[in-house]
Amino acid sequence: MILSKSANYALRATICLAEAADGTRVRGSEIAERLDVPPNYLSKSLRELARTDLLESTRGPGGGFALARPAAELTLADVVRHFDEIPSEASCLLGRDRCSDADPCRAHTRWVTARGAVVDFLENTRLLDLTARAGRGAVAGEGAETVLAQPDPGS
């Protein structure tokens, strides 16, 4: 599953917010600069998430964005589903209306395994899991800027 740009930017931005001190508001322009993404594009994603229960947004001095809930409570799926469809059991990689073990498409057997792994990853990975605070080997100042932006060295 390849994420759309909007979903990728939103994930990276929410991880960046998860790395901020609890309750700290971060301006959208600062997030865009840290992540090296277009500010206008990112602001649309941030505004979309602020309309949900994922982000809080405050205008004016001291304003910006903050997570509405603790990073340990938010999964990647919570963010992604606002931008991309998370594959369901009924989804067919090749777009068939009906695809099952009984009537499989050519990709079905492999797609079932891959789809399950993707859904499991999105549903069971919390924003906190991908922050430097999780102790995943990131150094100070590094984290959301590199997470999801660089390929895994083992791949």
N, C-alpha and C. Protein backbone atom coordinates (compact mmCIF):
# COMPACT_ATOMS: atom_id res chain seq x y z
N MET A 1 0.85 -1.17 0.00
CA MET A 1 0.00 0.00 0.00
C MET A 1 0.89 1.23 0.00
N ILE A 2 0.74 2.02 -0.95
CA ILE A 2 1.50 3.26 -1.02
C ILE A 2 0.57 4.37 -0.53
N LEU A 3 1.05 5.15 0.41
CA LEU A 3 0.24 6.23 0.94
C LEU A 3 0.25 7.42 0.01
N SER A 4 -0.87 8.13 -0.02
CA SER A 4 -0.93 9.37 -0.78
C SER A 4 0.00 10.38 -0.12
N LYS A 5 0.34 11.42 -0.85
CA LYS A 5 1.17 12.48 -0.30
C LYS A 5 0.52 13.09 0.93
N SER A 6 -0.80 13.30 0.84
CA SER A 6 -1.52 13.90 1.97
C SER A 6 -1.40 13.04 3.21
N ALA A 7 -1.59 11.72 3.07
CA ALA A 7 -1.50 10.82 4.21
C ALA A 7 -0.07 10.77 4.74
N ASN A 8 0.91 10.74 3.85
CA ASN A 8 2.31 10.71 4.26
C ASN A 8 2.67 11.97 5.03
N TYR A 9 2.31 13.13 4.49
CA TYR A 9 2.60 14.40 5.18
C TYR A 9 1.89 14.45 6.52
N ALA A 10 0.63 14.00 6.57
CA ALA A 10 -0.12 14.02 7.82
C ALA A 10 0.52 13.11 8.86
N LEU A 11 0.96 11.93 8.45
CA LEU A 11 1.65 11.03 9.39
C LEU A 11 2.92 11.67 9.91
N ARG A 12 3.72 12.19 9.02
CA ARG A 12 4.98 12.81 9.42
C ARG A 12 4.73 13.99 10.35
N ALA A 13 3.70 14.79 10.06
CA ALA A 13 3.38 15.95 10.89
C ALA A 13 2.89 15.52 12.27
N THR A 14 2.05 14.50 12.34
CA THR A 14 1.55 14.07 13.64
C THR A 14 2.67 13.42 14.47
N ILE A 15 3.60 12.76 13.82
CA ILE A 15 4.75 12.22 14.55
C ILE A 15 5.61 13.37 15.08
N CYS A 16 5.76 14.40 14.27
CA CYS A 16 6.49 15.60 14.71
C CYS A 16 5.80 16.20 15.93
N LEU A 17 4.48 16.28 15.91
CA LEU A 17 3.73 16.81 17.06
C LEU A 17 3.85 15.88 18.27
N ALA A 18 3.91 14.59 18.01
CA ALA A 18 4.07 13.62 19.10
C ALA A 18 5.41 13.79 19.78
N GLU A 19 6.39 14.28 19.06
CA GLU A 19 7.72 14.49 19.63
C GLU A 19 7.82 15.80 20.40
N ALA A 20 6.88 16.70 20.17
CA ALA A 20 6.88 17.96 20.91
C ALA A 20 6.49 17.67 22.36
N ALA A 21 6.93 18.52 23.25
CA ALA A 21 6.55 18.37 24.66
C ALA A 21 5.03 18.39 24.76
N ASP A 22 4.50 17.59 25.67
CA ASP A 22 3.06 17.49 25.83
C ASP A 22 2.44 18.88 25.96
N GLY A 23 1.42 19.13 25.14
CA GLY A 23 0.70 20.39 25.18
C GLY A 23 1.35 21.51 24.41
N THR A 24 2.58 21.31 23.93
CA THR A 24 3.26 22.35 23.17
C THR A 24 2.60 22.49 21.81
N ARG A 25 2.30 23.72 21.44
CA ARG A 25 1.70 23.98 20.13
C ARG A 25 2.83 24.32 19.15
N VAL A 26 2.72 23.75 17.96
CA VAL A 26 3.74 23.97 16.93
C VAL A 26 3.05 24.56 15.71
N ARG A 27 3.59 25.64 15.20
CA ARG A 27 3.01 26.29 14.03
C ARG A 27 3.17 25.39 12.81
N GLY A 28 2.18 25.44 11.93
CA GLY A 28 2.23 24.65 10.70
C GLY A 28 3.45 24.96 9.87
N SER A 29 3.83 26.24 9.81
CA SER A 29 5.01 26.62 9.02
C SER A 29 6.28 26.01 9.60
N GLU A 30 6.35 25.88 10.92
CA GLU A 30 7.51 25.26 11.56
C GLU A 30 7.57 23.76 11.26
N ILE A 31 6.41 23.12 11.29
CA ILE A 31 6.35 21.69 10.95
C ILE A 31 6.78 21.49 9.51
N ALA A 32 6.26 22.32 8.61
CA ALA A 32 6.61 22.21 7.19
C ALA A 32 8.10 22.39 6.98
N GLU A 33 8.70 23.33 7.70
CA GLU A 33 10.14 23.56 7.58
C GLU A 33 10.92 22.36 8.10
N ARG A 34 10.53 21.83 9.26
CA ARG A 34 11.22 20.67 9.83
C ARG A 34 11.16 19.46 8.90
N LEU A 35 9.99 19.29 8.27
CA LEU A 35 9.79 18.11 7.42
C LEU A 35 10.19 18.35 5.97
N ASP A 36 10.51 19.60 5.64
CA ASP A 36 10.86 19.98 4.27
C ASP A 36 9.74 19.60 3.30
N VAL A 37 8.53 20.05 3.64
CA VAL A 37 7.36 19.82 2.77
C VAL A 37 6.72 21.17 2.46
N PRO A 38 5.96 21.25 1.37
CA PRO A 38 5.32 22.52 1.01
C PRO A 38 4.33 22.97 2.09
N PRO A 39 4.51 24.17 2.63
CA PRO A 39 3.64 24.65 3.72
C PRO A 39 2.16 24.67 3.35
N ASN A 40 1.84 25.11 2.14
CA ASN A 40 0.43 25.19 1.75
C ASN A 40 -0.20 23.81 1.69
N TYR A 41 0.52 22.85 1.18
CA TYR A 41 0.01 21.48 1.07
C TYR A 41 -0.18 20.90 2.47
N LEU A 42 0.82 21.08 3.33
CA LEU A 42 0.73 20.55 4.68
C LEU A 42 -0.39 21.21 5.47
N SER A 43 -0.59 22.50 5.28
CA SER A 43 -1.63 23.19 6.05
C SER A 43 -3.01 22.62 5.77
N LYS A 44 -3.26 22.17 4.55
CA LYS A 44 -4.54 21.53 4.23
C LYS A 44 -4.72 20.24 5.02
N SER A 45 -3.66 19.46 5.11
CA SER A 45 -3.73 18.21 5.88
C SER A 45 -3.92 18.50 7.36
N LEU A 46 -3.21 19.48 7.88
CA LEU A 46 -3.34 19.83 9.30
C LEU A 46 -4.74 20.35 9.61
N ARG A 47 -5.28 21.18 8.73
CA ARG A 47 -6.65 21.69 8.94
C ARG A 47 -7.65 20.55 8.92
N GLU A 48 -7.46 19.59 8.02
CA GLU A 48 -8.35 18.44 7.96
C GLU A 48 -8.32 17.67 9.29
N LEU A 49 -7.14 17.44 9.83
CA LEU A 49 -7.02 16.71 11.10
C LEU A 49 -7.54 17.53 12.28
N ALA A 50 -7.46 18.85 12.18
CA ALA A 50 -7.98 19.71 13.25
C ALA A 50 -9.51 19.68 13.29
N ARG A 51 -10.13 19.32 12.18
CA ARG A 51 -11.60 19.19 12.15
C ARG A 51 -12.05 17.88 12.80
N THR A 52 -11.11 17.03 13.11
CA THR A 52 -11.42 15.74 13.73
C THR A 52 -11.02 15.81 15.21
N ASP A 53 -10.99 14.67 15.84
CA ASP A 53 -10.57 14.63 17.24
C ASP A 53 -9.08 14.31 17.39
N LEU A 54 -8.30 14.48 16.31
CA LEU A 54 -6.87 14.14 16.37
C LEU A 54 -5.98 15.32 16.73
N LEU A 55 -6.29 16.49 16.20
CA LEU A 55 -5.46 17.67 16.47
C LEU A 55 -6.30 18.79 17.04
N GLU A 56 -5.63 19.62 17.84
CA GLU A 56 -6.20 20.88 18.31
C GLU A 56 -5.45 21.99 17.59
N SER A 57 -6.16 23.05 17.27
CA SER A 57 -5.55 24.17 16.57
C SER A 57 -5.93 25.45 17.28
N THR A 58 -4.94 26.32 17.48
CA THR A 58 -5.16 27.61 18.11
C THR A 58 -4.49 28.67 17.26
N ARG A 59 -5.21 29.76 17.04
CA ARG A 59 -4.65 30.88 16.27
C ARG A 59 -3.99 31.89 17.20
N GLY A 60 -3.20 32.77 16.60
CA GLY A 60 -2.62 33.89 17.35
C GLY A 60 -1.30 33.54 18.00
N PRO A 61 -0.79 34.50 18.80
CA PRO A 61 0.49 34.28 19.49
C PRO A 61 0.40 33.04 20.38
N GLY A 62 1.41 32.22 20.29
CA GLY A 62 1.42 30.98 21.06
C GLY A 62 0.53 29.91 20.47
N GLY A 63 -0.03 30.20 19.31
CA GLY A 63 -0.93 29.25 18.65
C GLY A 63 -0.17 28.23 17.85
N GLY A 64 -0.91 27.35 17.25
CA GLY A 64 -0.34 26.29 16.43
C GLY A 64 -1.15 25.03 16.60
N PHE A 65 -0.53 23.91 16.32
CA PHE A 65 -1.20 22.62 16.37
C PHE A 65 -0.61 21.78 17.50
N ALA A 66 -1.45 20.94 18.08
CA ALA A 66 -1.03 19.98 19.10
C ALA A 66 -1.92 18.76 18.96
N LEU A 67 -1.42 17.61 19.39
CA LEU A 67 -2.24 16.41 19.39
C LEU A 67 -3.38 16.61 20.38
N ALA A 68 -4.56 16.15 20.02
CA ALA A 68 -5.71 16.26 20.90
C ALA A 68 -5.75 15.16 21.94
N ARG A 69 -5.01 14.09 21.67
CA ARG A 69 -4.93 12.96 22.61
C ARG A 69 -3.47 12.55 22.72
N PRO A 70 -3.11 11.81 23.74
CA PRO A 70 -1.72 11.36 23.86
C PRO A 70 -1.29 10.50 22.67
N ALA A 71 -0.03 10.65 22.29
CA ALA A 71 0.53 9.89 21.15
C ALA A 71 0.44 8.40 21.37
N ALA A 72 0.41 7.97 22.62
CA ALA A 72 0.30 6.54 22.93
C ALA A 72 -1.10 6.00 22.64
N GLU A 73 -2.07 6.89 22.43
CA GLU A 73 -3.45 6.47 22.15
C GLU A 73 -3.80 6.56 20.67
N LEU A 74 -2.96 7.19 19.87
CA LEU A 74 -3.27 7.40 18.45
C LEU A 74 -2.50 6.44 17.57
N THR A 75 -3.21 5.72 16.71
CA THR A 75 -2.55 4.80 15.79
C THR A 75 -2.31 5.49 14.45
N LEU A 76 -1.44 4.88 13.66
CA LEU A 76 -1.22 5.39 12.31
C LEU A 76 -2.52 5.34 11.52
N ALA A 77 -3.34 4.31 11.74
CA ALA A 77 -4.62 4.19 11.04
C ALA A 77 -5.54 5.36 11.38
N ASP A 78 -5.50 5.85 12.62
CA ASP A 78 -6.32 7.00 13.00
C ASP A 78 -6.03 8.20 12.10
N VAL A 79 -4.78 8.36 11.70
CA VAL A 79 -4.38 9.48 10.85
C VAL A 79 -4.66 9.15 9.38
N VAL A 80 -4.19 8.00 8.93
CA VAL A 80 -4.27 7.65 7.51
C VAL A 80 -5.70 7.61 6.99
N ARG A 81 -6.63 7.10 7.79
CA ARG A 81 -8.00 6.91 7.28
C ARG A 81 -8.69 8.22 6.91
N HIS A 82 -8.14 9.36 7.33
CA HIS A 82 -8.71 10.64 6.93
C HIS A 82 -8.29 11.04 5.51
N PHE A 83 -7.33 10.32 4.95
CA PHE A 83 -6.80 10.67 3.63
C PHE A 83 -6.85 9.51 2.64
N ASP A 84 -6.66 8.30 3.13
CA ASP A 84 -6.61 7.12 2.27
C ASP A 84 -7.52 6.04 2.83
N GLU A 85 -7.98 5.20 1.95
CA GLU A 85 -8.77 4.05 2.38
C GLU A 85 -7.83 2.97 2.90
N ILE A 86 -8.14 2.46 4.06
CA ILE A 86 -7.36 1.35 4.60
C ILE A 86 -7.99 0.08 4.04
N PRO A 87 -7.19 -0.79 3.43
CA PRO A 87 -7.77 -1.96 2.76
C PRO A 87 -8.59 -2.83 3.70
N SER A 88 -9.76 -3.20 3.23
CA SER A 88 -10.61 -4.08 4.01
C SER A 88 -10.42 -5.52 3.51
N GLU A 89 -11.03 -6.45 4.20
CA GLU A 89 -10.92 -7.85 3.77
C GLU A 89 -11.49 -8.04 2.37
N ALA A 90 -12.46 -7.21 2.02
CA ALA A 90 -13.11 -7.36 0.72
C ALA A 90 -12.35 -6.67 -0.41
N SER A 91 -11.33 -5.88 -0.07
CA SER A 91 -10.64 -5.12 -1.13
C SER A 91 -9.81 -6.04 -2.01
N CYS A 92 -9.91 -5.78 -3.29
CA CYS A 92 -9.16 -6.54 -4.29
C CYS A 92 -8.08 -5.62 -4.85
N LEU A 93 -6.86 -6.06 -4.85
CA LEU A 93 -5.76 -5.26 -5.37
C LEU A 93 -5.98 -4.88 -6.82
N LEU A 94 -6.59 -5.77 -7.59
CA LEU A 94 -6.79 -5.52 -9.01
C LEU A 94 -8.16 -4.90 -9.32
N GLY A 95 -8.91 -4.55 -8.26
CA GLY A 95 -10.14 -3.79 -8.46
C GLY A 95 -11.38 -4.60 -8.78
N ARG A 96 -11.32 -5.90 -8.65
CA ARG A 96 -12.51 -6.71 -8.91
C ARG A 96 -13.56 -6.45 -7.84
N ASP A 97 -14.83 -6.51 -8.24
CA ASP A 97 -15.93 -6.35 -7.29
C ASP A 97 -15.97 -7.50 -6.30
N ARG A 98 -15.70 -8.69 -6.78
CA ARG A 98 -15.71 -9.87 -5.93
C ARG A 98 -14.38 -10.60 -6.08
N CYS A 99 -13.73 -10.76 -4.96
CA CYS A 99 -12.45 -11.45 -4.94
C CYS A 99 -12.39 -12.18 -3.61
N SER A 100 -12.27 -13.47 -3.66
CA SER A 100 -12.26 -14.25 -2.43
C SER A 100 -11.43 -15.51 -2.64
N ASP A 101 -11.28 -16.28 -1.58
CA ASP A 101 -10.57 -17.55 -1.71
C ASP A 101 -11.28 -18.46 -2.72
N ALA A 102 -12.61 -18.36 -2.76
CA ALA A 102 -13.38 -19.19 -3.68
C ALA A 102 -13.31 -18.69 -5.12
N ASP A 103 -13.14 -17.38 -5.29
CA ASP A 103 -13.09 -16.78 -6.63
C ASP A 103 -11.98 -15.74 -6.65
N PRO A 104 -10.71 -16.19 -6.60
CA PRO A 104 -9.59 -15.25 -6.45
C PRO A 104 -9.17 -14.60 -7.76
N CYS A 105 -8.66 -13.37 -7.64
CA CYS A 105 -7.99 -12.74 -8.77
C CYS A 105 -6.56 -13.30 -8.80
N ARG A 106 -5.78 -12.87 -9.76
CA ARG A 106 -4.41 -13.40 -9.88
C ARG A 106 -3.49 -12.96 -8.74
N ALA A 107 -3.84 -11.88 -8.08
CA ALA A 107 -2.99 -11.38 -6.99
C ALA A 107 -3.51 -11.79 -5.61
N HIS A 108 -4.66 -12.42 -5.56
CA HIS A 108 -5.36 -12.65 -4.29
C HIS A 108 -4.50 -13.29 -3.21
N THR A 109 -3.88 -14.38 -3.48
CA THR A 109 -3.13 -15.11 -2.45
C THR A 109 -2.04 -14.25 -1.83
N ARG A 110 -1.29 -13.56 -2.64
CA ARG A 110 -0.22 -12.70 -2.13
C ARG A 110 -0.79 -11.44 -1.48
N TRP A 111 -1.85 -10.88 -2.08
CA TRP A 111 -2.44 -9.64 -1.57
C TRP A 111 -3.06 -9.84 -0.18
N VAL A 112 -3.67 -10.98 0.06
CA VAL A 112 -4.28 -11.25 1.37
C VAL A 112 -3.21 -11.13 2.46
N THR A 113 -2.06 -11.69 2.22
CA THR A 113 -0.97 -11.63 3.20
C THR A 113 -0.45 -10.20 3.36
N ALA A 114 -0.19 -9.54 2.24
CA ALA A 114 0.33 -8.18 2.29
C ALA A 114 -0.68 -7.23 2.91
N ARG A 115 -1.94 -7.32 2.50
CA ARG A 115 -2.99 -6.46 3.03
C ARG A 115 -3.08 -6.64 4.54
N GLY A 116 -3.05 -7.88 5.00
CA GLY A 116 -3.13 -8.14 6.43
C GLY A 116 -1.98 -7.51 7.19
N ALA A 117 -0.78 -7.59 6.62
CA ALA A 117 0.39 -6.99 7.27
C ALA A 117 0.28 -5.47 7.33
N VAL A 118 -0.20 -4.86 6.24
CA VAL A 118 -0.35 -3.40 6.20
C VAL A 118 -1.39 -2.95 7.22
N VAL A 119 -2.53 -3.60 7.21
CA VAL A 119 -3.60 -3.22 8.15
C VAL A 119 -3.13 -3.42 9.58
N ASP A 120 -2.47 -4.52 9.86
CA ASP A 120 -1.95 -4.79 11.20
C ASP A 120 -0.97 -3.69 11.62
N PHE A 121 -0.07 -3.33 10.73
CA PHE A 121 0.91 -2.28 11.02
C PHE A 121 0.21 -0.95 11.33
N LEU A 122 -0.73 -0.55 10.48
CA LEU A 122 -1.40 0.74 10.68
C LEU A 122 -2.26 0.74 11.94
N GLU A 123 -2.95 -0.35 12.20
CA GLU A 123 -3.85 -0.42 13.35
C GLU A 123 -3.13 -0.61 14.67
N ASN A 124 -1.94 -1.19 14.65
CA ASN A 124 -1.25 -1.53 15.89
C ASN A 124 0.02 -0.74 16.16
N THR A 125 0.33 0.21 15.29
CA THR A 125 1.49 1.08 15.52
C THR A 125 0.96 2.43 15.99
N ARG A 126 1.42 2.84 17.12
CA ARG A 126 1.00 4.11 17.72
C ARG A 126 2.00 5.21 17.30
N LEU A 127 1.51 6.44 17.28
CA LEU A 127 2.41 7.55 16.94
C LEU A 127 3.63 7.54 17.84
N LEU A 128 3.42 7.27 19.11
CA LEU A 128 4.53 7.25 20.06
C LEU A 128 5.60 6.24 19.66
N ASP A 129 5.19 5.12 19.05
CA ASP A 129 6.14 4.08 18.64
C ASP A 129 7.17 4.58 17.63
N LEU A 130 6.84 5.63 16.90
CA LEU A 130 7.73 6.12 15.84
C LEU A 130 8.43 7.42 16.20
N THR A 131 8.40 7.76 17.47
CA THR A 131 9.08 8.98 17.91
C THR A 131 10.43 8.64 18.53
N ALA A 132 11.26 9.66 18.63
CA ALA A 132 12.54 9.49 19.30
C ALA A 132 12.32 9.15 20.77
N ARG A 133 11.19 9.62 21.33
CA ARG A 133 10.89 9.35 22.75
C ARG A 133 10.67 7.86 22.98
N ALA A 134 10.36 7.11 21.93
CA ALA A 134 10.12 5.67 22.08
C ALA A 134 11.45 4.92 22.19
N GLY A 135 12.57 5.63 22.03
CA GLY A 135 13.88 4.99 22.16
C GLY A 135 14.21 4.10 20.99
N ARG A 136 13.81 4.49 19.81
CA ARG A 136 14.04 3.68 18.61
C ARG A 136 15.37 4.02 17.96
N GLY A 137 16.27 4.66 18.68
CA GLY A 137 17.59 4.91 18.12
C GLY A 137 17.74 6.26 17.46
N ALA A 138 16.69 7.08 17.47
CA ALA A 138 16.80 8.41 16.88
C ALA A 138 17.62 9.28 17.83
N VAL A 139 18.36 10.20 17.28
CA VAL A 139 19.15 11.10 18.10
C VAL A 139 18.37 12.39 18.30
N ALA A 140 18.77 13.18 19.26
CA ALA A 140 18.08 14.44 19.52
C ALA A 140 18.02 15.26 18.24
N GLY A 141 16.86 15.83 18.00
CA GLY A 141 16.69 16.64 16.81
C GLY A 141 16.32 15.84 15.59
N GLU A 142 16.33 14.53 15.70
CA GLU A 142 15.99 13.68 14.58
C GLU A 142 14.74 12.91 14.97
N GLY A 143 13.91 12.61 14.04
CA GLY A 143 12.71 11.86 14.38
C GLY A 143 11.71 11.95 13.27
N ALA A 144 10.70 12.81 13.45
CA ALA A 144 9.65 12.91 12.45
C ALA A 144 10.21 13.35 11.10
N GLU A 145 11.34 14.05 11.14
CA GLU A 145 11.93 14.49 9.87
C GLU A 145 12.41 13.30 9.06
N THR A 146 12.80 12.23 9.74
CA THR A 146 13.36 11.10 9.03
C THR A 146 12.41 9.92 8.94
N VAL A 147 11.52 9.80 9.90
CA VAL A 147 10.58 8.68 9.90
C VAL A 147 9.67 8.79 8.67
N LEU A 148 9.46 7.74 8.01
CA LEU A 148 8.63 7.65 6.80
C LEU A 148 9.23 8.40 5.62
N ALA A 149 10.35 9.04 5.81
CA ALA A 149 10.95 9.78 4.71
C ALA A 149 12.11 9.01 4.09
N GLN A 150 12.66 8.08 4.84
CA GLN A 150 13.80 7.34 4.36
C GLN A 150 13.48 5.86 4.36
N PRO A 151 13.98 5.12 3.39
CA PRO A 151 13.74 3.67 3.38
C PRO A 151 14.45 2.99 4.53
N ASP A 152 13.91 1.86 4.94
CA ASP A 152 14.54 1.06 5.98
C ASP A 152 15.86 0.53 5.46
N PRO A 153 16.96 0.73 6.21
CA PRO A 153 18.27 0.29 5.72
C PRO A 153 18.33 -1.21 5.48
N GLY A 154 17.42 -1.97 6.09
CA GLY A 154 17.43 -3.42 5.90
C GLY A 154 16.69 -3.87 4.66
N SER A 155 16.11 -2.93 3.93
CA SER A 155 15.33 -3.36 2.74
C SER A 155 16.08 -3.18 1.46
